[in-house]
Amino acid sequence: MRKAATLLVAVCLQGLVLAAMAQDQPGTVIEVIRIKPKPGMEKQFEAAGKEHVAWHRQKNDTWTWFVSQVMSGPRTGEYVAATPGHRWADFDTAPVSREEDQADAATRIGQYVDSIETLYVVSLPKHSRPTEATTPSKYTTLVTIYVKQGMETEYLNAVSKLPAAMEKTNWPGHYNFATLANGGEHPTFFLLLRRDKWADFAQPEKPFEKMLEDAYGRAEADSILKTLDKSTAKVSSEMRAYRPDLSYVPKSP
């Protein structure tokens, strides 16, 4: 009972942290749907998915849906659909009826689906180093970081120092940082690294630790690294490939 109460408090506190970070940052909520097709039905699933995209186009949907395919890790072969740039209230007034959308997806795609998982993620612009690009890169590395209970504030304080360090040292690479709001284990954070080509998967010539030292000095760099290390419970990663043929991007007005 005590453990359950502690978890409830932790989730509520994380909600307060998210609310504070999201102030004056409209459109940071992302709905993410992970879809596992039935074995051997990937082609049928993709064909049905394209039909559902056409349905969105026919409805003149103004929401964007980016679809990617997992290429490594235990989720290999799964598909991920994400609609970014929302406020929580947007889901009450979606331009296309949520019920109709789900019904059409169930009719067209449902028979080819093994399982579906939905989660809600909040992007953290002040902890990110994004590009001006409005569409996903060809590939993306998703790093999932599980932070120890009660250490999310300390962890985020350390992460907030990274973008400035990278800019100061002209360290290569761009990324988006986000946190899980609902749909899984808390506290969980996501690091999405852009990979426009395979060569981008190579490590930079200057190690991460050296970059921090050049930016802040040895003592501050060690402090940041120590905080990141002691606050992290575990880390996992996967590679994703953007699938523009399965995505829906509304036409510009």
C-alpha atoms as a PDB file:
ATOM      1  CA  MET A   1       0.000   0.000   0.000  1.00  0.00           C
ATOM      2  CA  ARG A   2       2.820   2.391   0.921  1.00  0.00           C
ATOM      3  CA  LYS A   3       4.615   1.647  -2.344  1.00  0.00           C
ATOM      4  CA  ALA A   4       1.449   2.389  -4.339  1.00  0.00           C
ATOM      5  CA  ALA A   5       0.955   5.675  -2.489  1.00  0.00           C
ATOM      6  CA  THR A   6       4.566   6.659  -3.132  1.00  0.00           C
ATOM      7  CA  LEU A   7       4.151   5.932  -6.832  1.00  0.00           C
ATOM      8  CA  LEU A   8       0.953   7.985  -6.973  1.00  0.00           C
ATOM      9  CA  VAL A   9       2.683  10.952  -5.361  1.00  0.00           C
ATOM     10  CA  ALA A  10       5.621  10.600  -7.759  1.00  0.00           C
ATOM     11  CA  VAL A  11       3.340  10.641 -10.801  1.00  0.00           C
ATOM     12  CA  CYS A  12       1.436  13.668  -9.468  1.00  0.00           C
ATOM     13  CA  LEU A  13       4.664  15.518  -8.745  1.00  0.00           C
ATOM     14  CA  GLN A  14       5.928  14.751 -12.225  1.00  0.00           C
ATOM     15  CA  GLY A  15       2.716  16.268 -13.566  1.00  0.00           C
ATOM     16  CA  LEU A  16       3.485  19.467 -11.645  1.00  0.00           C
ATOM     17  CA  VAL A  17       7.019  19.507 -13.023  1.00  0.00           C
ATOM     18  CA  LEU A  18       5.694  19.067 -16.557  1.00  0.00           C
ATOM     19  CA  ALA A  19       3.141  21.837 -16.085  1.00  0.00           C
ATOM     20  CA  ALA A  20       5.848  24.215 -14.934  1.00  0.00           C
ATOM     21  CA  MET A  21       8.143  23.380 -17.846  1.00  0.00           C
ATOM     22  CA  ALA A  22       5.330  23.606 -20.391  1.00  0.00           C
ATOM     23  CA  GLN A  23       4.326  27.164 -19.508  1.00  0.00           C
ATOM     24  CA  ASP A  24       4.569  29.491 -22.529  1.00  0.00           C
ATOM     25  CA  GLN A  25       5.410  26.469 -24.678  1.00  0.00           C
ATOM     26  CA  PRO A  26       2.271  25.784 -26.724  1.00  0.00           C
ATOM     27  CA  GLY A  27       1.926  22.635 -28.736  1.00  0.00           C
ATOM     28  CA  THR A  28       4.253  20.305 -26.829  1.00  0.00           C
ATOM     29  CA  VAL A  29       1.980  17.266 -26.471  1.00  0.00           C
ATOM     30  CA  ILE A  30       2.509  14.305 -28.802  1.00  0.00           C
ATOM     31  CA  GLU A  31       0.192  11.332 -29.153  1.00  0.00           C
ATOM     32  CA  VAL A  32       2.190   8.218 -30.019  1.00  0.00           C
ATOM     33  CA  ILE A  33       0.672   4.936 -31.205  1.00  0.00           C
ATOM     34  CA  ARG A  34       2.864   1.835 -31.396  1.00  0.00           C
ATOM     35  CA  ILE A  35       1.451  -0.835 -33.684  1.00  0.00           C
ATOM     36  CA  LYS A  36       2.606  -4.429 -34.019  1.00  0.00           C
ATOM     37  CA  PRO A  37       1.242  -6.134 -37.164  1.00  0.00           C
ATOM     38  CA  LYS A  38       0.366  -9.805 -37.193  1.00  0.00           C
ATOM     39  CA  PRO A  39       3.247 -12.000 -38.413  1.00  0.00           C
ATOM     40  CA  GLY A  40       3.248 -12.318 -42.194  1.00  0.00           C
ATOM     41  CA  MET A  41       0.672  -9.561 -42.685  1.00  0.00           C
ATOM     42  CA  GLU A  42       3.007  -6.587 -42.968  1.00  0.00           C
ATOM     43  CA  LYS A  43       2.154  -5.949 -46.639  1.00  0.00           C
ATOM     44  CA  GLN A  44      -1.577  -6.063 -45.961  1.00  0.00           C
ATOM     45  CA  PHE A  45      -1.104  -3.793 -42.958  1.00  0.00           C
ATOM     46  CA  GLU A  46       0.778  -1.201 -45.008  1.00  0.00           C
ATOM     47  CA  ALA A  47      -1.793  -1.291 -47.817  1.00  0.00           C
ATOM     48  CA  ALA A  48      -4.594  -0.752 -45.302  1.00  0.00           C
ATOM     49  CA  GLY A  49      -2.577   2.000 -43.635  1.00  0.00           C
ATOM     50  CA  LYS A  50      -2.332   3.862 -46.932  1.00  0.00           C
ATOM     51  CA  GLU A  51      -6.103   3.598 -47.298  1.00  0.00           C
ATOM     52  CA  HIS A  52      -6.511   5.125 -43.842  1.00  0.00           C
ATOM     53  CA  VAL A  53      -4.157   7.961 -44.809  1.00  0.00           C
ATOM     54  CA  ALA A  54      -6.346   8.598 -47.864  1.00  0.00           C
ATOM     55  CA  TRP A  55      -9.344   8.748 -45.512  1.00  0.00           C
ATOM     56  CA  HIS A  56      -7.633  11.479 -43.484  1.00  0.00           C
ATOM     57  CA  ARG A  57      -6.906  13.371 -46.693  1.00  0.00           C
ATOM     58  CA  GLN A  58     -10.534  13.068 -47.778  1.00  0.00           C
ATOM     59  CA  LYS A  59     -11.605  14.471 -44.391  1.00  0.00           C
ATOM     60  CA  ASN A  60      -9.214  17.431 -44.851  1.00  0.00           C
ATOM     61  CA  ASP A  61      -7.598  16.609 -41.528  1.00  0.00           C
ATOM     62  CA  THR A  62      -5.324  19.418 -40.314  1.00  0.00           C
ATOM     63  CA  TRP A  63      -3.323  17.235 -37.937  1.00  0.00           C
ATOM     64  CA  THR A  64      -0.021  15.742 -39.059  1.00  0.00           C
ATOM     65  CA  TRP A  65       0.670  12.025 -38.584  1.00  0.00           C
ATOM     66  CA  PHE A  66       4.286  10.902 -38.961  1.00  0.00           C
ATOM     67  CA  VAL A  67       4.823   7.145 -39.292  1.00  0.00           C
ATOM     68  CA  SER A  68       8.125   5.358 -38.774  1.00  0.00           C
ATOM     69  CA  GLN A  69       9.192   1.725 -38.666  1.00  0.00           C
ATOM     70  CA  VAL A  70      11.373   0.244 -35.936  1.00  0.00           C
ATOM     71  CA  MET A  71      14.566  -1.233 -37.397  1.00  0.00           C
ATOM     72  CA  SER A  72      16.404  -2.505 -34.305  1.00  0.00           C
ATOM     73  CA  GLY A  73      15.781  -3.757 -30.787  1.00  0.00           C
ATOM     74  CA  PRO A  74      12.944  -5.926 -29.411  1.00  0.00           C
ATOM     75  CA  ARG A  75      10.312  -3.869 -31.258  1.00  0.00           C
ATOM     76  CA  THR A  76      11.859  -4.489 -34.692  1.00  0.00           C
ATOM     77  CA  GLY A  77       9.181  -4.539 -37.373  1.00  0.00           C
ATOM     78  CA  GLU A  78       6.674  -2.483 -35.412  1.00  0.00           C
ATOM     79  CA  TYR A  79       5.262   0.810 -36.665  1.00  0.00           C
ATOM     80  CA  VAL A  80       4.999   4.070 -34.758  1.00  0.00           C
ATOM     81  CA  ALA A  81       2.471   6.788 -35.629  1.00  0.00           C
ATOM     82  CA  ALA A  82       2.825  10.164 -33.936  1.00  0.00           C
ATOM     83  CA  THR A  83       0.889  13.417 -34.144  1.00  0.00           C
ATOM     84  CA  PRO A  84       2.945  16.269 -32.627  1.00  0.00           C
ATOM     85  CA  GLY A  85       2.397  19.884 -31.701  1.00  0.00           C
ATOM     86  CA  HIS A  86      -0.745  19.762 -29.567  1.00  0.00           C
ATOM     87  CA  ARG A  87      -2.141  21.140 -26.343  1.00  0.00           C
ATOM     88  CA  TRP A  88      -4.083  18.766 -24.130  1.00  0.00           C
ATOM     89  CA  ALA A  89      -7.328  20.605 -24.956  1.00  0.00           C
ATOM     90  CA  ASP A  90      -6.804  19.899 -28.664  1.00  0.00           C
ATOM     91  CA  PHE A  91      -7.864  16.311 -28.116  1.00  0.00           C
ATOM     92  CA  ASP A  92     -11.320  17.558 -27.089  1.00  0.00           C
ATOM     93  CA  THR A  93     -11.759  19.441 -30.360  1.00  0.00           C
ATOM     94  CA  ALA A  94      -9.867  17.384 -32.948  1.00  0.00           C
ATOM     95  CA  PRO A  95     -10.604  18.487 -36.546  1.00  0.00           C
ATOM     96  CA  VAL A  96     -11.578  14.911 -37.392  1.00  0.00           C
ATOM     97  CA  SER A  97     -13.826  12.994 -34.996  1.00  0.00           C
ATOM     98  CA  ARG A  98     -11.698  10.732 -32.835  1.00  0.00           C
ATOM     99  CA  GLU A  99     -14.470   8.149 -32.811  1.00  0.00           C
ATOM    100  CA  GLU A 100     -14.725   8.155 -36.614  1.00  0.00           C
ATOM    101  CA  ASP A 101     -10.957   7.991 -36.940  1.00  0.00           C
ATOM    102  CA  GLN A 102     -10.684   4.998 -34.631  1.00  0.00           C
ATOM    103  CA  ALA A 103     -13.622   3.276 -36.322  1.00  0.00           C
ATOM    104  CA  ASP A 104     -12.109   3.677 -39.792  1.00  0.00           C
ATOM    105  CA  ALA A 105      -8.724   2.451 -38.568  1.00  0.00           C
ATOM    106  CA  ALA A 106     -10.344  -0.562 -36.912  1.00  0.00           C
ATOM    107  CA  THR A 107     -12.273  -1.421 -40.076  1.00  0.00           C
ATOM    108  CA  ARG A 108      -9.356  -1.074 -42.475  1.00  0.00           C
ATOM    109  CA  ILE A 109      -6.344  -1.998 -40.365  1.00  0.00           C
ATOM    110  CA  GLY A 110      -7.644  -3.883 -37.335  1.00  0.00           C
ATOM    111  CA  GLN A 111      -7.654  -7.337 -38.910  1.00  0.00           C
ATOM    112  CA  TYR A 112      -3.902  -7.095 -39.573  1.00  0.00           C
ATOM    113  CA  VAL A 113      -2.913  -5.812 -36.124  1.00  0.00           C
ATOM    114  CA  ASP A 114      -1.522  -7.974 -33.336  1.00  0.00           C
ATOM    115  CA  SER A 115      -1.329  -5.259 -30.657  1.00  0.00           C
ATOM    116  CA  ILE A 116      -1.569  -1.494 -30.144  1.00  0.00           C
ATOM    117  CA  GLU A 117      -0.054   0.681 -27.449  1.00  0.00           C
ATOM    118  CA  THR A 118      -0.839   4.388 -26.999  1.00  0.00           C
ATOM    119  CA  LEU A 119       1.197   6.852 -24.986  1.00  0.00           C
ATOM    120  CA  TYR A 120       1.351  10.601 -24.548  1.00  0.00           C
ATOM    121  CA  VAL A 121       4.649  12.429 -24.606  1.00  0.00           C
ATOM    122  CA  VAL A 122       5.507  16.053 -23.831  1.00  0.00           C
ATOM    123  CA  SER A 123       8.413  17.602 -25.716  1.00  0.00           C
ATOM    124  CA  LEU A 124      10.875  19.751 -23.765  1.00  0.00           C
ATOM    125  CA  PRO A 125      12.186  22.461 -26.127  1.00  0.00           C
ATOM    126  CA  LYS A 126      14.485  24.055 -23.541  1.00  0.00           C
ATOM    127  CA  HIS A 127      16.245  20.718 -23.094  1.00  0.00           C
ATOM    128  CA  SER A 128      16.546  20.053 -26.832  1.00  0.00           C
ATOM    129  CA  ARG A 129      18.819  21.035 -29.687  1.00  0.00           C
ATOM    130  CA  PRO A 130      16.432  20.903 -32.645  1.00  0.00           C
ATOM    131  CA  THR A 131      16.891  21.830 -36.282  1.00  0.00           C
ATOM    132  CA  GLU A 132      14.648  24.007 -38.432  1.00  0.00           C
ATOM    133  CA  ALA A 133      13.354  20.871 -40.193  1.00  0.00           C
ATOM    134  CA  THR A 134       9.599  20.308 -39.991  1.00  0.00           C
ATOM    135  CA  THR A 135       9.680  16.632 -40.975  1.00  0.00           C
ATOM    136  CA  PRO A 136      11.547  13.674 -39.449  1.00  0.00           C
ATOM    137  CA  SER A 137      15.002  12.725 -40.660  1.00  0.00           C
ATOM    138  CA  LYS A 138      15.442   9.589 -42.776  1.00  0.00           C
ATOM    139  CA  TYR A 139      16.466   7.684 -39.650  1.00  0.00           C
ATOM    140  CA  THR A 140      16.110   8.389 -35.946  1.00  0.00           C
ATOM    141  CA  THR A 141      17.803   6.921 -32.908  1.00  0.00           C
ATOM    142  CA  LEU A 142      15.393   6.768 -29.986  1.00  0.00           C
ATOM    143  CA  VAL A 143      17.075   6.536 -26.595  1.00  0.00           C
ATOM    144  CA  THR A 144      14.730   5.798 -23.693  1.00  0.00           C
ATOM    145  CA  ILE A 145      16.019   6.865 -20.280  1.00  0.00           C
ATOM    146  CA  TYR A 146      14.415   5.540 -17.110  1.00  0.00           C
ATOM    147  CA  VAL A 147      15.228   7.906 -14.250  1.00  0.00           C
ATOM    148  CA  LYS A 148      15.238   6.912 -10.588  1.00  0.00           C
ATOM    149  CA  GLN A 149      12.234   7.969  -8.518  1.00  0.00           C
ATOM    150  CA  GLY A 150      12.647  11.399  -6.945  1.00  0.00           C
ATOM    151  CA  MET A 151      15.633  12.372  -9.099  1.00  0.00           C
ATOM    152  CA  GLU A 152      13.878  13.810 -12.147  1.00  0.00           C
ATOM    153  CA  THR A 153      14.458  17.463 -11.169  1.00  0.00           C
ATOM    154  CA  GLU A 154      18.170  16.900 -10.588  1.00  0.00           C
ATOM    155  CA  TYR A 155      18.393  14.936 -13.832  1.00  0.00           C
ATOM    156  CA  LEU A 156      16.617  17.644 -15.843  1.00  0.00           C
ATOM    157  CA  ASN A 157      18.845  20.353 -14.399  1.00  0.00           C
ATOM    158  CA  ALA A 158      21.860  18.471 -15.747  1.00  0.00           C
ATOM    159  CA  VAL A 159      20.244  17.827 -19.136  1.00  0.00           C
ATOM    160  CA  SER A 160      19.335  21.517 -19.474  1.00  0.00           C
ATOM    161  CA  LYS A 161      23.049  22.377 -19.632  1.00  0.00           C
ATOM    162  CA  LEU A 162      23.755  20.185 -22.651  1.00  0.00           C
ATOM    163  CA  PRO A 163      22.347  22.287 -25.543  1.00  0.00           C
ATOM    164  CA  ALA A 164      24.413  25.346 -24.579  1.00  0.00           C
ATOM    165  CA  ALA A 165      27.550  23.220 -24.239  1.00  0.00           C
ATOM    166  CA  MET A 166      27.037  21.721 -27.683  1.00  0.00           C
ATOM    167  CA  GLU A 167      26.460  25.145 -29.230  1.00  0.00           C
ATOM    168  CA  LYS A 168      29.483  26.635 -27.486  1.00  0.00           C
ATOM    169  CA  THR A 169      31.799  23.882 -28.726  1.00  0.00           C
ATOM    170  CA  ASN A 170      30.094  23.500 -32.114  1.00  0.00           C
ATOM    171  CA  TRP A 171      29.570  19.814 -31.356  1.00  0.00           C
ATOM    172  CA  PRO A 172      27.736  18.054 -34.208  1.00  0.00           C
ATOM    173  CA  GLY A 173      24.260  16.596 -33.960  1.00  0.00           C
ATOM    174  CA  HIS A 174      20.739  17.701 -33.185  1.00  0.00           C
ATOM    175  CA  TYR A 175      18.123  16.123 -30.982  1.00  0.00           C
ATOM    176  CA  ASN A 176      14.733  16.520 -29.365  1.00  0.00           C
ATOM    177  CA  PHE A 177      14.166  15.718 -25.717  1.00  0.00           C
ATOM    178  CA  ALA A 178      10.811  14.679 -24.276  1.00  0.00           C
ATOM    179  CA  THR A 179       9.176  13.035 -21.282  1.00  0.00           C
ATOM    180  CA  LEU A 180       6.453  10.449 -20.917  1.00  0.00           C
ATOM    181  CA  ALA A 181       3.261  12.030 -19.574  1.00  0.00           C
ATOM    182  CA  ASN A 182       0.989   8.987 -19.668  1.00  0.00           C
ATOM    183  CA  GLY A 183       1.168   5.396 -20.798  1.00  0.00           C
ATOM    184  CA  GLY A 184       4.086   3.697 -19.099  1.00  0.00           C
ATOM    185  CA  GLU A 185       6.736   3.676 -16.408  1.00  0.00           C
ATOM    186  CA  HIS A 186       7.560   6.980 -14.670  1.00  0.00           C
ATOM    187  CA  PRO A 187       9.752   8.959 -14.754  1.00  0.00           C
ATOM    188  CA  THR A 188      10.791   8.200 -18.345  1.00  0.00           C
ATOM    189  CA  PHE A 189      12.510  10.494 -20.829  1.00  0.00           C
ATOM    190  CA  PHE A 190      13.160  10.199 -24.552  1.00  0.00           C
ATOM    191  CA  LEU A 191      16.117  11.421 -26.580  1.00  0.00           C
ATOM    192  CA  LEU A 192      15.484  11.478 -30.341  1.00  0.00           C
ATOM    193  CA  LEU A 193      18.619  11.899 -32.436  1.00  0.00           C
ATOM    194  CA  ARG A 194      18.359  12.887 -36.102  1.00  0.00           C
ATOM    195  CA  ARG A 195      20.181  10.631 -38.581  1.00  0.00           C
ATOM    196  CA  ASP A 196      19.938  11.801 -42.190  1.00  0.00           C
ATOM    197  CA  LYS A 197      22.261   9.038 -43.398  1.00  0.00           C
ATOM    198  CA  TRP A 198      24.053   5.957 -42.067  1.00  0.00           C
ATOM    199  CA  ALA A 199      27.272   7.924 -41.572  1.00  0.00           C
ATOM    200  CA  ASP A 200      25.471  10.008 -38.944  1.00  0.00           C
ATOM    201  CA  PHE A 201      25.386   6.986 -36.628  1.00  0.00           C
ATOM    202  CA  ALA A 202      29.165   7.276 -36.132  1.00  0.00           C
ATOM    203  CA  GLN A 203      30.350   8.842 -32.888  1.00  0.00           C
ATOM    204  CA  PRO A 204      31.707  12.422 -33.167  1.00  0.00           C
ATOM    205  CA  GLU A 205      35.478  12.755 -33.217  1.00  0.00           C
ATOM    206  CA  LYS A 206      35.366  14.678 -29.948  1.00  0.00           C
ATOM    207  CA  PRO A 207      33.969  12.496 -27.127  1.00  0.00           C
ATOM    208  CA  PHE A 208      30.915  13.742 -25.238  1.00  0.00           C
ATOM    209  CA  GLU A 209      32.899  14.033 -22.008  1.00  0.00           C
ATOM    210  CA  LYS A 210      35.575  16.159 -23.707  1.00  0.00           C
ATOM    211  CA  MET A 211      32.901  18.418 -25.216  1.00  0.00           C
ATOM    212  CA  LEU A 212      31.481  19.112 -21.748  1.00  0.00           C
ATOM    213  CA  GLU A 213      34.941  19.811 -20.350  1.00  0.00           C
ATOM    214  CA  ASP A 214      35.707  22.264 -23.157  1.00  0.00           C
ATOM    215  CA  ALA A 215      32.414  24.045 -22.538  1.00  0.00           C
ATOM    216  CA  TYR A 216      32.309  24.212 -18.733  1.00  0.00           C
ATOM    217  CA  GLY A 217      35.669  23.142 -17.383  1.00  0.00           C
ATOM    218  CA  ARG A 218      36.653  19.849 -15.767  1.00  0.00           C
ATOM    219  CA  ALA A 219      34.869  20.309 -12.432  1.00  0.00           C
ATOM    220  CA  GLU A 220      31.474  21.299 -13.874  1.00  0.00           C
ATOM    221  CA  ALA A 221      31.695  18.609 -16.569  1.00  0.00           C
ATOM    222  CA  ASP A 222      32.375  15.958 -13.925  1.00  0.00           C
ATOM    223  CA  SER A 223      29.423  17.223 -11.873  1.00  0.00           C
ATOM    224  CA  ILE A 224      27.054  16.985 -14.844  1.00  0.00           C
ATOM    225  CA  LEU A 225      28.251  13.498 -15.757  1.00  0.00           C
ATOM    226  CA  LYS A 226      27.969  12.326 -12.142  1.00  0.00           C
ATOM    227  CA  THR A 227      24.392  13.611 -11.912  1.00  0.00           C
ATOM    228  CA  LEU A 228      23.376  11.952 -15.170  1.00  0.00           C
ATOM    229  CA  ASP A 229      24.938   8.682 -14.044  1.00  0.00           C
ATOM    230  CA  LYS A 230      23.515   8.511 -10.511  1.00  0.00           C
ATOM    231  CA  SER A 231      19.995   9.554 -11.550  1.00  0.00           C
ATOM    232  CA  THR A 232      19.637   7.032 -14.384  1.00  0.00           C
ATOM    233  CA  ALA A 233      18.183   3.598 -13.630  1.00  0.00           C
ATOM    234  CA  LYS A 234      18.493   2.096 -17.114  1.00  0.00           C
ATOM    235  CA  VAL A 235      18.735   3.040 -20.789  1.00  0.00           C
ATOM    236  CA  SER A 236      17.524   1.385 -23.985  1.00  0.00           C
ATOM    237  CA  SER A 237      17.754   2.359 -27.649  1.00  0.00           C
ATOM    238  CA  GLU A 238      16.251   1.581 -31.024  1.00  0.00           C
ATOM    239  CA  MET A 239      16.594   2.770 -34.608  1.00  0.00           C
ATOM    240  CA  ARG A 240      13.620   3.976 -36.623  1.00  0.00           C
ATOM    241  CA  ALA A 241      13.169   4.669 -40.328  1.00  0.00           C
ATOM    242  CA  TYR A 242      10.752   7.384 -41.420  1.00  0.00           C
ATOM    243  CA  ARG A 243       7.986   6.119 -43.710  1.00  0.00           C
ATOM    244  CA  PRO A 244       6.633   9.110 -45.673  1.00  0.00           C
ATOM    245  CA  ASP A 245       4.497   6.745 -47.771  1.00  0.00           C
ATOM    246  CA  LEU A 246       2.519   5.806 -44.652  1.00  0.00           C
ATOM    247  CA  SER A 247       2.465   9.306 -43.141  1.00  0.00           C
ATOM    248  CA  TYR A 248      -0.096  12.066 -43.467  1.00  0.00           C
ATOM    249  CA  VAL A 249       0.994  15.690 -43.802  1.00  0.00           C
ATOM    250  CA  PRO A 250      -1.849  18.144 -44.529  1.00  0.00           C
ATOM    251  CA  LYS A 251      -1.454  20.606 -47.356  1.00  0.00           C
ATOM    252  CA  SER A 252      -0.376  24.100 -46.385  1.00  0.00           C
ATOM    253  CA  PRO A 253      -3.257  26.625 -46.302  1.00  0.00           C
END
